[in-house]
Structure formats: C-alpha cells, structure tokens
Protein backbone atom coordinates (compact mmCIF):
# COMPACT_ATOMS: atom_id res chain seq x y z
CA MET A 1 -98.56 -15.18 -73.88
CA ASN A 2 -95.94 -12.64 -72.80
CA GLN A 3 -97.72 -10.02 -74.94
CA LEU A 4 -101.11 -10.82 -72.95
CA ILE A 5 -100.62 -8.21 -70.15
CA PRO A 6 -99.71 -5.12 -72.38
CA LEU A 7 -102.88 -5.86 -74.76
CA LEU A 8 -105.33 -6.53 -71.65
CA LYS A 9 -104.13 -3.06 -70.24
CA ASP A 10 -104.62 -1.43 -74.01
CA TYR A 11 -108.13 -3.07 -74.09
CA ILE A 12 -109.41 -2.16 -70.72
CA ASN A 13 -107.84 1.60 -71.53
CA GLY A 14 -109.34 1.55 -75.14
CA LEU A 15 -106.11 2.05 -76.61
CA LEU A 16 -105.93 -1.02 -78.89
CA SER A 17 -104.09 -0.57 -82.45
CA PRO A 18 -106.18 -2.49 -85.11
CA GLU A 19 -103.46 -5.24 -85.30
CA ASP A 20 -103.52 -5.64 -81.45
CA ASN A 21 -107.16 -5.80 -81.76
CA GLU A 22 -107.41 -8.64 -83.82
CA GLU A 23 -105.11 -10.18 -81.83
CA LEU A 24 -106.67 -9.96 -78.71
CA ARG A 25 -110.14 -10.77 -80.32
CA ASP A 26 -108.60 -14.49 -81.30
CA LEU A 27 -107.53 -14.92 -77.67
CA PHE A 28 -111.07 -13.88 -76.66
CA SER A 29 -112.30 -16.57 -79.02
CA LYS A 30 -109.93 -19.18 -77.37
CA TYR A 31 -110.88 -18.27 -73.84
CA PRO A 32 -114.37 -16.83 -73.60
CA ASP A 33 -114.02 -16.49 -69.46
CA LEU A 34 -111.06 -14.15 -69.95
CA LYS A 35 -112.95 -11.84 -72.25
CA LYS A 36 -116.15 -11.41 -70.20
CA THR A 37 -113.77 -10.89 -67.08
CA ALA A 38 -112.04 -8.24 -68.85
CA ASP A 39 -115.07 -6.56 -70.18
CA GLU A 40 -116.30 -6.55 -66.29
CA LEU A 41 -113.01 -4.89 -65.46
CA LYS A 42 -113.59 -2.13 -68.07
CA SER A 43 -115.46 -0.12 -65.64
CA GLU A 44 -114.89 0.89 -61.97
CA GLU A 45 -118.39 -0.29 -60.97
CA GLY A 46 -117.35 -3.83 -62.45
CA LEU A 47 -114.06 -3.74 -60.85
CA ARG A 48 -115.31 -2.97 -57.18
CA GLU A 49 -118.27 -5.40 -57.83
CA LEU A 50 -115.95 -8.56 -58.35
CA LEU A 51 -113.79 -7.42 -55.73
CA LEU A 52 -116.28 -7.47 -53.31
CA GLU A 53 -117.92 -10.57 -54.09
CA TYR A 54 -114.75 -13.05 -54.79
CA GLU A 55 -112.58 -10.94 -51.98
CA TYR A 56 -111.93 -14.54 -50.31
CA ILE A 57 -109.60 -15.66 -52.76
CA PHE A 58 -106.85 -13.24 -52.20
CA ASP A 59 -104.08 -13.69 -49.66
CA ALA A 60 -100.73 -12.01 -48.85
CA ASP A 61 -98.47 -14.19 -50.99
CA PHE A 62 -100.87 -13.66 -54.38
CA ALA A 63 -99.41 -10.78 -55.74
CA ARG A 64 -96.08 -12.25 -56.09
CA ARG A 65 -97.40 -15.19 -58.04
CA GLU A 66 -99.06 -12.61 -60.79
CA GLU A 67 -98.01 -13.81 -64.16
CA ASP A 68 -97.31 -17.38 -63.20
CA ASN A 69 -100.95 -17.57 -61.64
CA LEU A 70 -102.13 -16.28 -65.29
CA ASN A 71 -100.29 -18.56 -67.35
CA HIS A 72 -101.18 -21.58 -65.07
CA ILE A 73 -104.86 -20.79 -65.09
CA LEU A 74 -104.94 -20.29 -69.08
CA THR A 75 -103.25 -23.69 -69.24
CA HIS A 76 -105.87 -25.33 -67.52
CA ILE A 77 -108.55 -23.59 -69.19
CA ARG A 78 -106.95 -24.42 -72.67
CA ALA A 79 -106.60 -28.27 -71.29
CA GLY A 80 -110.49 -28.04 -70.34
CA GLU A 81 -111.80 -26.74 -73.86
CA GLY A 82 -114.58 -28.70 -74.87
CA HIS A 83 -115.58 -29.41 -71.13
CA ASN A 84 -117.11 -25.68 -70.34
CA ARG A 85 -120.16 -27.14 -69.06
CA HIS A 86 -118.17 -28.58 -65.96
CA ARG A 87 -115.78 -25.92 -65.27
CA LYS A 88 -115.49 -24.82 -61.41
CA PRO A 89 -116.48 -21.43 -60.71
CA TRP A 90 -112.78 -20.77 -59.02
CA PHE A 91 -111.27 -20.66 -62.54
CA ARG A 92 -113.21 -17.59 -63.51
CA TYR A 93 -112.18 -15.94 -59.92
CA ALA A 94 -108.56 -16.93 -60.23
CA ILE A 95 -108.54 -15.28 -63.47
CA VAL A 96 -110.12 -12.04 -61.73
CA ALA A 97 -107.28 -11.96 -59.11
CA SER A 98 -104.87 -12.54 -61.50
CA ILE A 99 -105.51 -9.79 -64.20
CA ILE A 100 -106.34 -7.22 -61.49
CA PHE A 101 -102.92 -7.93 -60.00
CA CYS A 102 -101.20 -8.45 -63.24
CA LEU A 103 -102.50 -4.96 -64.27
CA GLY A 104 -101.58 -3.24 -61.43
CA ILE A 105 -104.88 -1.99 -60.79
CA GLY A 106 -106.04 -3.72 -57.77
CA GLY A 107 -104.05 -2.55 -54.84
CA TYR A 108 -105.43 0.70 -54.14
CA ILE A 109 -108.91 -0.72 -54.19
CA LEU A 110 -108.02 -4.04 -52.62
CA TYR A 111 -105.92 -2.55 -49.75
CA PRO A 112 -109.03 -2.37 -47.42
CA PHE A 113 -110.11 -5.96 -47.84
CA VAL A 114 -106.93 -7.49 -47.95
CA SER A 115 -104.77 -8.12 -44.71
CA ASP A 116 -100.73 -8.24 -44.35
CA SER A 117 -99.06 -11.42 -44.13
CA SER A 118 -99.15 -10.74 -40.17
CA SER A 119 -103.02 -10.75 -39.86
CA ASN A 120 -106.19 -11.86 -41.74
CA THR A 121 -109.38 -10.18 -42.25
CA GLU A 122 -111.81 -12.18 -39.38
CA GLN A 123 -115.50 -12.76 -40.45
CA PHE A 124 -118.10 -12.69 -37.70
CA SER A 125 -115.51 -11.80 -35.13
CA SER A 126 -116.11 -7.85 -34.53
CA THR A 127 -116.28 -6.93 -30.76
CA ILE A 128 -117.83 -3.66 -32.03
CA PRO A 129 -119.91 -2.58 -29.09
CA ALA A 130 -123.21 -0.52 -29.27
CA GLY A 131 -123.46 3.05 -28.98
CA ASN A 132 -124.23 4.70 -25.58
CA ASN A 133 -124.45 8.30 -23.82
CA LYS A 134 -122.16 10.68 -24.93
CA ALA A 135 -122.55 14.42 -26.46
CA ILE A 136 -120.45 17.54 -26.87
CA LEU A 137 -122.12 20.68 -25.53
CA THR A 138 -121.06 23.81 -27.23
CA LEU A 139 -121.45 27.23 -25.53
CA ALA A 140 -121.68 30.49 -27.48
CA ASN A 141 -118.13 31.46 -26.86
CA GLY A 142 -117.18 28.38 -28.55
CA GLU A 143 -116.12 26.19 -25.56
CA GLU A 144 -116.86 22.58 -26.14
CA ILE A 145 -117.50 20.58 -23.09
CA LEU A 146 -117.84 16.52 -23.33
CA LEU A 147 -120.73 15.32 -21.69
CA SER A 148 -120.16 12.46 -19.06
CA SER A 149 -121.36 9.06 -20.15
CA GLU A 150 -122.45 8.36 -16.80
CA HIS A 151 -125.49 10.72 -17.03
CA GLN A 152 -128.14 10.15 -19.93
CA GLY A 153 -128.74 13.95 -20.16
CA ILE A 154 -128.62 17.58 -19.13
CA VAL A 155 -131.26 20.14 -17.93
CA ILE A 156 -131.05 23.77 -18.86
CA ASP A 157 -132.52 26.14 -16.39
CA ASN A 158 -130.06 29.38 -16.43
CA GLU A 159 -127.55 27.25 -15.87
CA VAL A 160 -126.51 23.87 -17.43
CA ARG A 161 -126.37 20.67 -15.18
CA TYR A 162 -126.71 16.97 -15.17
CA ASP A 163 -130.10 15.50 -14.91
CA GLY A 164 -128.48 14.20 -11.55
CA GLY A 165 -128.15 17.70 -10.09
CA HIS A 166 -124.33 18.25 -10.97
CA THR A 167 -123.15 21.06 -12.34
CA VAL A 168 -121.99 20.95 -15.94
CA VAL A 169 -121.21 24.59 -16.67
CA ASP A 170 -120.09 26.68 -13.49
CA GLN A 171 -121.05 30.34 -14.94
CA ASP A 172 -124.27 32.09 -15.15
CA LEU A 173 -125.73 32.25 -19.15
CA VAL A 174 -127.41 35.19 -20.71
CA ALA A 175 -130.70 33.98 -21.61
CA ARG A 176 -130.83 34.18 -25.19
CA THR A 177 -127.54 32.56 -25.55
CA GLN A 178 -127.80 29.67 -27.96
CA LEU A 179 -126.32 26.60 -27.23
CA LEU A 180 -125.49 23.25 -29.27
CA LEU A 181 -125.99 19.72 -28.38
CA ARG A 182 -124.29 17.27 -30.76
CA THR A 183 -124.15 13.58 -30.64
CA PRO A 184 -121.32 11.76 -32.40
CA ARG A 185 -121.66 8.49 -34.19
CA GLY A 186 -122.24 6.12 -31.60
CA GLY A 187 -123.92 8.52 -29.03
CA GLN A 188 -127.31 9.62 -27.62
CA TYR A 189 -128.51 12.15 -25.12
CA HIS A 190 -131.14 13.97 -23.73
CA VAL A 191 -131.76 17.47 -22.35
CA THR A 192 -134.44 18.92 -20.81
CA LEU A 193 -135.12 22.57 -22.08
CA SER A 194 -135.97 25.61 -19.84
CA ASP A 195 -139.89 25.48 -20.40
CA GLY A 196 -139.89 21.69 -19.63
CA THR A 197 -139.76 20.44 -23.29
CA LYS A 198 -137.52 17.01 -22.97
CA VAL A 199 -135.56 16.05 -26.17
CA TRP A 200 -133.94 12.88 -26.81
CA LEU A 201 -131.48 12.77 -29.54
CA ASN A 202 -129.97 9.95 -31.71
CA ALA A 203 -127.03 9.22 -32.90
CA GLU A 204 -124.77 11.75 -35.37
CA SER A 205 -127.59 14.76 -34.82
CA LYS A 206 -127.64 18.31 -33.73
CA LEU A 207 -129.86 20.43 -31.70
CA VAL A 208 -129.56 24.36 -31.20
CA TYR A 209 -131.27 26.05 -28.77
CA PRO A 210 -131.63 28.83 -26.07
CA VAL A 211 -130.49 28.89 -22.73
CA THR A 212 -134.20 30.33 -21.80
CA PHE A 213 -137.20 30.84 -24.37
CA VAL A 214 -137.84 34.63 -24.69
CA GLY A 215 -140.51 36.26 -26.54
CA ASP A 216 -143.84 34.46 -27.95
CA ARG A 217 -142.23 31.50 -29.47
CA ARG A 218 -140.09 28.36 -28.62
CA GLU A 219 -137.91 27.88 -31.48
CA VAL A 220 -135.18 25.16 -31.97
CA TYR A 221 -132.97 23.84 -35.06
CA LEU A 222 -132.69 20.12 -35.04
CA GLU A 223 -130.42 18.21 -37.73
CA GLY A 224 -130.67 14.19 -37.57
CA GLU A 225 -133.34 12.41 -35.33
CA GLY A 226 -134.84 13.65 -32.12
CA TYR A 227 -137.95 12.59 -30.26
CA PHE A 228 -139.52 15.69 -28.26
CA GLU A 229 -142.15 15.61 -25.94
CA VAL A 230 -143.00 19.42 -25.52
CA ALA A 231 -144.21 21.25 -22.69
CA SER A 232 -148.01 22.75 -23.25
CA ASP A 233 -147.87 26.52 -23.34
CA LYS A 234 -151.04 27.61 -25.60
CA LYS A 235 -149.44 31.26 -25.80
CA ARG A 236 -145.99 30.39 -27.02
CA PRO A 237 -146.10 27.42 -30.18
CA PHE A 238 -143.13 25.66 -30.13
CA ILE A 239 -141.35 25.39 -33.81
CA VAL A 240 -138.86 22.84 -34.65
CA LYS A 241 -136.77 23.99 -37.66
CA THR A 242 -134.89 21.64 -39.96
CA GLU A 243 -133.19 21.71 -43.21
CA LYS A 244 -136.29 20.41 -45.00
CA GLU A 245 -139.44 21.70 -42.86
CA GLN A 246 -140.77 23.29 -39.97
CA VAL A 247 -142.94 21.77 -37.11
CA GLU A 248 -144.94 23.86 -35.23
CA VAL A 249 -146.59 22.65 -32.30
CA LEU A 250 -148.37 24.02 -28.63
CA GLY A 251 -147.67 20.55 -26.58
CA THR A 252 -147.27 16.97 -27.88
CA HIS A 253 -145.17 14.34 -28.49
CA PHE A 254 -143.40 13.86 -31.79
CA ASN A 255 -140.54 12.31 -33.69
CA ILE A 256 -138.49 13.81 -36.55
CA ASN A 257 -136.37 12.42 -38.50
CA SER A 258 -134.07 14.80 -40.69
CA TYR A 259 -130.46 13.65 -41.54
CA THR A 260 -128.74 15.61 -44.26
CA ASP A 261 -127.95 12.26 -46.03
CA GLU A 262 -131.55 10.79 -46.13
CA ARG A 263 -133.52 11.94 -49.17
CA ILE A 264 -136.83 12.12 -47.20
CA SER A 265 -137.28 13.72 -44.10
CA ARG A 266 -140.07 12.11 -41.54
CA VAL A 267 -142.13 13.62 -38.78
CA GLY A 268 -143.99 11.07 -37.11
CA LEU A 269 -146.95 12.07 -34.45
CA LEU A 270 -147.67 9.98 -31.36
CA GLU A 271 -149.96 12.30 -29.32
CA GLY A 272 -151.80 15.61 -29.59
CA SER A 273 -150.96 17.55 -33.01
CA VAL A 274 -148.73 19.24 -35.26
CA LYS A 275 -148.35 21.23 -38.28
CA VAL A 276 -145.45 20.48 -40.78
CA SER A 277 -144.17 22.81 -43.61
CA PRO A 278 -141.60 21.90 -46.11
CA ALA A 279 -138.81 24.74 -45.87
CA ARG A 280 -139.18 25.38 -49.70
CA GLY A 281 -143.05 26.43 -49.00
CA GLN A 282 -144.87 23.71 -51.01
CA GLY A 283 -148.02 23.99 -48.62
CA SER A 284 -148.46 22.14 -45.45
CA GLU A 285 -150.11 19.24 -43.34
CA ILE A 286 -151.73 18.76 -39.91
CA LEU A 287 -150.52 15.09 -38.42
CA ARG A 288 -152.87 13.13 -36.51
CA PRO A 289 -151.56 10.54 -33.60
CA GLY A 290 -150.16 7.50 -35.54
CA GLN A 291 -149.53 9.86 -38.80
CA GLN A 292 -146.22 10.58 -40.62
CA SER A 293 -145.34 13.01 -43.11
CA LEU A 294 -143.00 12.64 -45.36
CA VAL A 295 -140.68 15.64 -47.02
CA SER A 296 -138.64 15.40 -49.88
CA THR A 297 -137.93 17.84 -52.87
CA THR A 298 -141.08 17.08 -54.72
CA GLY A 299 -143.49 18.20 -51.69
CA ILE A 300 -145.04 16.99 -48.79
CA SER A 301 -147.31 13.64 -48.13
CA VAL A 302 -148.76 11.74 -45.04
CA GLU A 303 -149.18 7.90 -44.38
CA THR A 304 -149.96 5.95 -41.61
CA VAL A 305 -147.32 4.75 -39.57
CA ASP A 306 -146.55 2.34 -36.39
CA MET A 307 -145.64 4.59 -33.72
CA ASP A 308 -143.76 1.54 -31.98
CA GLU A 309 -141.32 1.23 -35.06
CA CYS A 310 -141.19 4.97 -35.26
CA LEU A 311 -139.49 5.69 -31.83
CA ALA A 312 -138.22 2.16 -31.49
CA TRP A 313 -134.62 4.04 -31.51
CA LYS A 314 -135.75 5.79 -28.36
CA ASN A 315 -136.92 2.71 -26.67
CA GLY A 316 -133.57 1.04 -27.27
CA GLU A 317 -134.37 -1.20 -30.09
CA PHE A 318 -133.85 -1.70 -34.21
CA MET A 319 -137.21 -2.59 -35.91
CA PHE A 320 -136.31 -3.44 -39.52
CA ASN A 321 -139.91 -3.42 -41.26
CA ASN A 322 -139.62 -4.35 -44.76
CA GLU A 323 -136.48 -2.11 -44.93
CA SER A 324 -133.76 -1.98 -47.64
CA LEU A 325 -130.30 -2.81 -46.52
CA GLU A 326 -129.20 0.23 -47.67
CA SER A 327 -131.17 1.86 -45.70
CA ILE A 328 -130.35 -0.43 -42.66
CA ALA A 329 -126.82 0.28 -43.25
CA ARG A 330 -126.97 3.97 -42.59
CA ARG A 331 -128.54 3.47 -39.15
CA LEU A 332 -125.96 1.01 -38.03
CA GLU A 333 -123.02 3.26 -39.46
CA ARG A 334 -124.33 6.26 -37.01
CA TRP A 335 -124.81 3.67 -33.90
CA TYR A 336 -121.97 1.75 -34.41
CA ASP A 337 -119.50 4.22 -35.63
CA ILE A 338 -118.49 2.43 -38.33
CA ASP A 339 -118.36 2.36 -42.32
CA ILE A 340 -120.21 0.12 -44.09
CA GLU A 341 -119.90 -1.02 -48.02
CA LEU A 342 -122.63 -2.84 -49.37
CA SER A 343 -122.12 -4.90 -52.78
CA PRO A 344 -124.34 -3.08 -55.49
CA ARG A 345 -126.29 -6.35 -55.96
CA ILE A 346 -127.77 -6.45 -52.20
CA LYS A 347 -128.64 -2.58 -51.50
CA ASN A 348 -132.37 -3.24 -52.34
CA ILE A 349 -132.53 -6.52 -50.33
CA VAL A 350 -135.59 -6.03 -48.00
CA ILE A 351 -135.04 -6.89 -44.26
CA TRP A 352 -137.37 -7.86 -41.60
CA GLY A 353 -136.57 -8.37 -37.63
CA ALA A 354 -136.05 -6.73 -34.50
CA VAL A 355 -133.01 -6.40 -32.16
CA SER A 356 -132.07 -4.50 -29.32
CA ARG A 357 -129.70 -1.73 -30.26
CA TYR A 358 -127.55 -2.11 -27.04
CA GLU A 359 -126.43 -5.54 -28.55
CA ASP A 360 -123.06 -5.43 -30.39
CA PHE A 361 -122.77 -5.24 -34.07
CA ASP A 362 -122.46 -8.92 -34.87
CA THR A 363 -125.45 -10.07 -33.45
CA VAL A 364 -127.36 -7.32 -35.05
CA MET A 365 -125.96 -8.75 -38.22
CA GLU A 366 -127.17 -12.30 -37.34
CA VAL A 367 -130.39 -10.70 -37.30
CA ILE A 368 -130.48 -8.99 -40.49
CA LYS A 369 -128.80 -12.70 -41.89
CA ARG A 370 -132.03 -14.58 -41.15
CA THR A 371 -133.87 -12.56 -43.89
CA ASP A 372 -131.12 -13.99 -46.31
CA LYS A 373 -128.61 -16.41 -45.08
CA ARG A 374 -126.54 -15.89 -48.10
CA ILE A 375 -125.39 -12.62 -46.42
CA THR A 376 -121.93 -12.49 -45.63
CA TYR A 377 -119.85 -9.63 -43.86
CA SER A 378 -116.23 -8.99 -43.22
CA MET A 379 -114.36 -6.52 -40.81
CA GLN A 380 -111.03 -4.57 -40.86
CA GLY A 381 -111.24 -2.17 -37.76
CA ARG A 382 -114.07 0.07 -38.12
CA ARG A 383 -114.63 -0.88 -42.13
CA THR A 384 -117.15 -3.40 -42.91
CA VAL A 385 -117.88 -5.05 -46.55
CA VAL A 386 -121.65 -7.03 -46.84
CA MET A 387 -122.28 -9.28 -49.65
CA LYS A 388 -123.51 -12.48 -50.61
C-alpha cells in the first residue's frame, strides 16, 4: 500500500515501468473504482470536472488526512467486494479527494473552491448587486473622467455636460476631436451625440465618436453592445463600424451586439431600415423592422427576431429565450462584474425565463434554476462556480 502513491503518480504521468505497470494492473483489477478515477485524473479537463462536481466533499482539514484517508477508503472497498452494486457514491468521491491530495495536484486548482479554516464557501448567499450607471470618458489628450453614477448620461454639443445640464468638461473641445466613452463591467451609460442621435451603451462596451460631426457622413465606432436612435439626416448617412461589420442608416432605431468574445455579431432593427455589411466584404443585407442580421467569419445571414428580447437589456430586463447557459453566463459576467466557471456538462443547457436586471445575482440565479432544479452554484468573492 505504501507504494500506491508513487505508482499512481507514474501512471498519471505515463512513466510506469513494465514491472510497475503489472503491479498497478493487479490493484486496478481489485479496485475498479480506483482505475476509473485514475483514468479521469489523467486529463486536466477530467480533473477539473471532478473537482467541480465533488467540490462539496473538501474541507480545511482534508489535506492533513491524506494517506490515512486513502488507506481507510481502500480498506472499506475491500470489505465491500462482492457488494459493488450497493456501494454508496461517496466512496468514489472520497477516492477522488484522496488521490488529488496524495498526488499533490489539487491545491493550485482547488484553491478557488476551498475556503480556509476560518471561512467556508457559502452557497446562495452572495450580495452581489446589479450593475448601474457608470462610465469613463477619455478625451483626445488621454485624460480620463469618471462619470457620475447619479446621472444616466451625457450630452455632446461643443462641450460635454450631464443630461441634467451640469458641465463635465470645463473646456472648449475641437470639433473633430474624438472622444471615447467606455462602460466597465457592471456599468451602463447613455450619450446624446452632437447631431441629436442617442446611444445607450451596455456593460463592457466602447463608443468612439467626434465632438461634432463634420463632412458628409456621421461615423462612430462601437465595441460591445449599444442601442441607437439615429437623428434623421438624409444628406448625411450615419455609419456604425464594429470589428465585424459596418451598419449604415439615414435615421432609424436599432441595436448592435458586437462583443469581441462573441462568435456572432448581431444587428436588430426596431424601425426604419439599415444596411449591414460584413467587415470582410462578404456581401451586405438590408434589414426590415423585426429582422436581425448575424455576421460571423462565414458571412452574413438574416432572421426574424423578437425585438422585445433584443432590447430587453436597454429596458432593464434579462430575457432568456431558449438560450444556452454558457451564453447567459457571459452576459451575467459583464453586468455583475464577476467570473463564472461552468461545469462542462451544463454549458449547453437551454434556459427560459425573464427577470429584472436590477435584481441581485442570487435572484437571477433562482430564475435560471427554475429550468433545471439540479443546477447549483457556489461563490467566493466575485468568482462563481455553477454545476449540477
């Protein structure tokens, strides 16, 4: 038994000698659960999956009982030979825990999931509030201005002021000067451009625009998500450029979702018409109200869309309509300024439901759990692990 740990280390690392391989094969034939678990631990993905699924069996004292635990477990397994069909699942969980600690490979991966001796990871007890109005305005000279959360937006008209009239930048700005409005995670903001166009920015988004539009076209750059109500000007088209496409309009209302970490960029049209052209030059499409374009590396397509769902974020809601948990997790990360880790087995679970996005994180998770009550989650700080 004293040689078991070195044998397992060599097995997982592919370093077994022929003699040791024969010895370990005899052990695996006696203890099938040990063989199955060791095989899963040979891959990092398998290890992380086991850690996520069996996280709850760990406590602060477990590491101090390393080999004693393994010996105790194998003794019980031996005593239970012939009764495998009635063996309780926790025997397997304990094998996982003991091997991980005995091999010394669990600490760096397990640390985020395991609390120290003075505090335990709590489930369903986060107090993470929803995002709110906050943004950073960057001037042409690089100066950054943290915009007040007491205001919903700013107005640009040869100067920068809050929508309530208070001055933000106490200086004259050159007409062609480019400004950058950036919302961090957990932030949203609204800006009225010099031509009267209104733009609402979702969390973790950027908008680059001039102090005053000059010339025969009005052009801005968006990264992330923004809803546009474009002021009509038939002589000067309004153009929104993103990393994946260009949207050209004369006067209309539309939403663009073009985050860099999303595979597909979406443009949804509420009223008017827009022309969407992929940045790679793969043709273009004219959208009608109620339609949405989807741009990816393979080209552009158009589908009918529920605009209430498309604009839910702007109207203060989360709407989950046949959406994968993996996709939802990215939205929640941006709005609640958290990091979410999903067990691989649940990434593609489809979620339905709706909830105000001004509710705290726990409330949103309760809505998600209505789809599958087996979904659970645990939190440490701003790190969340979701599993079932």
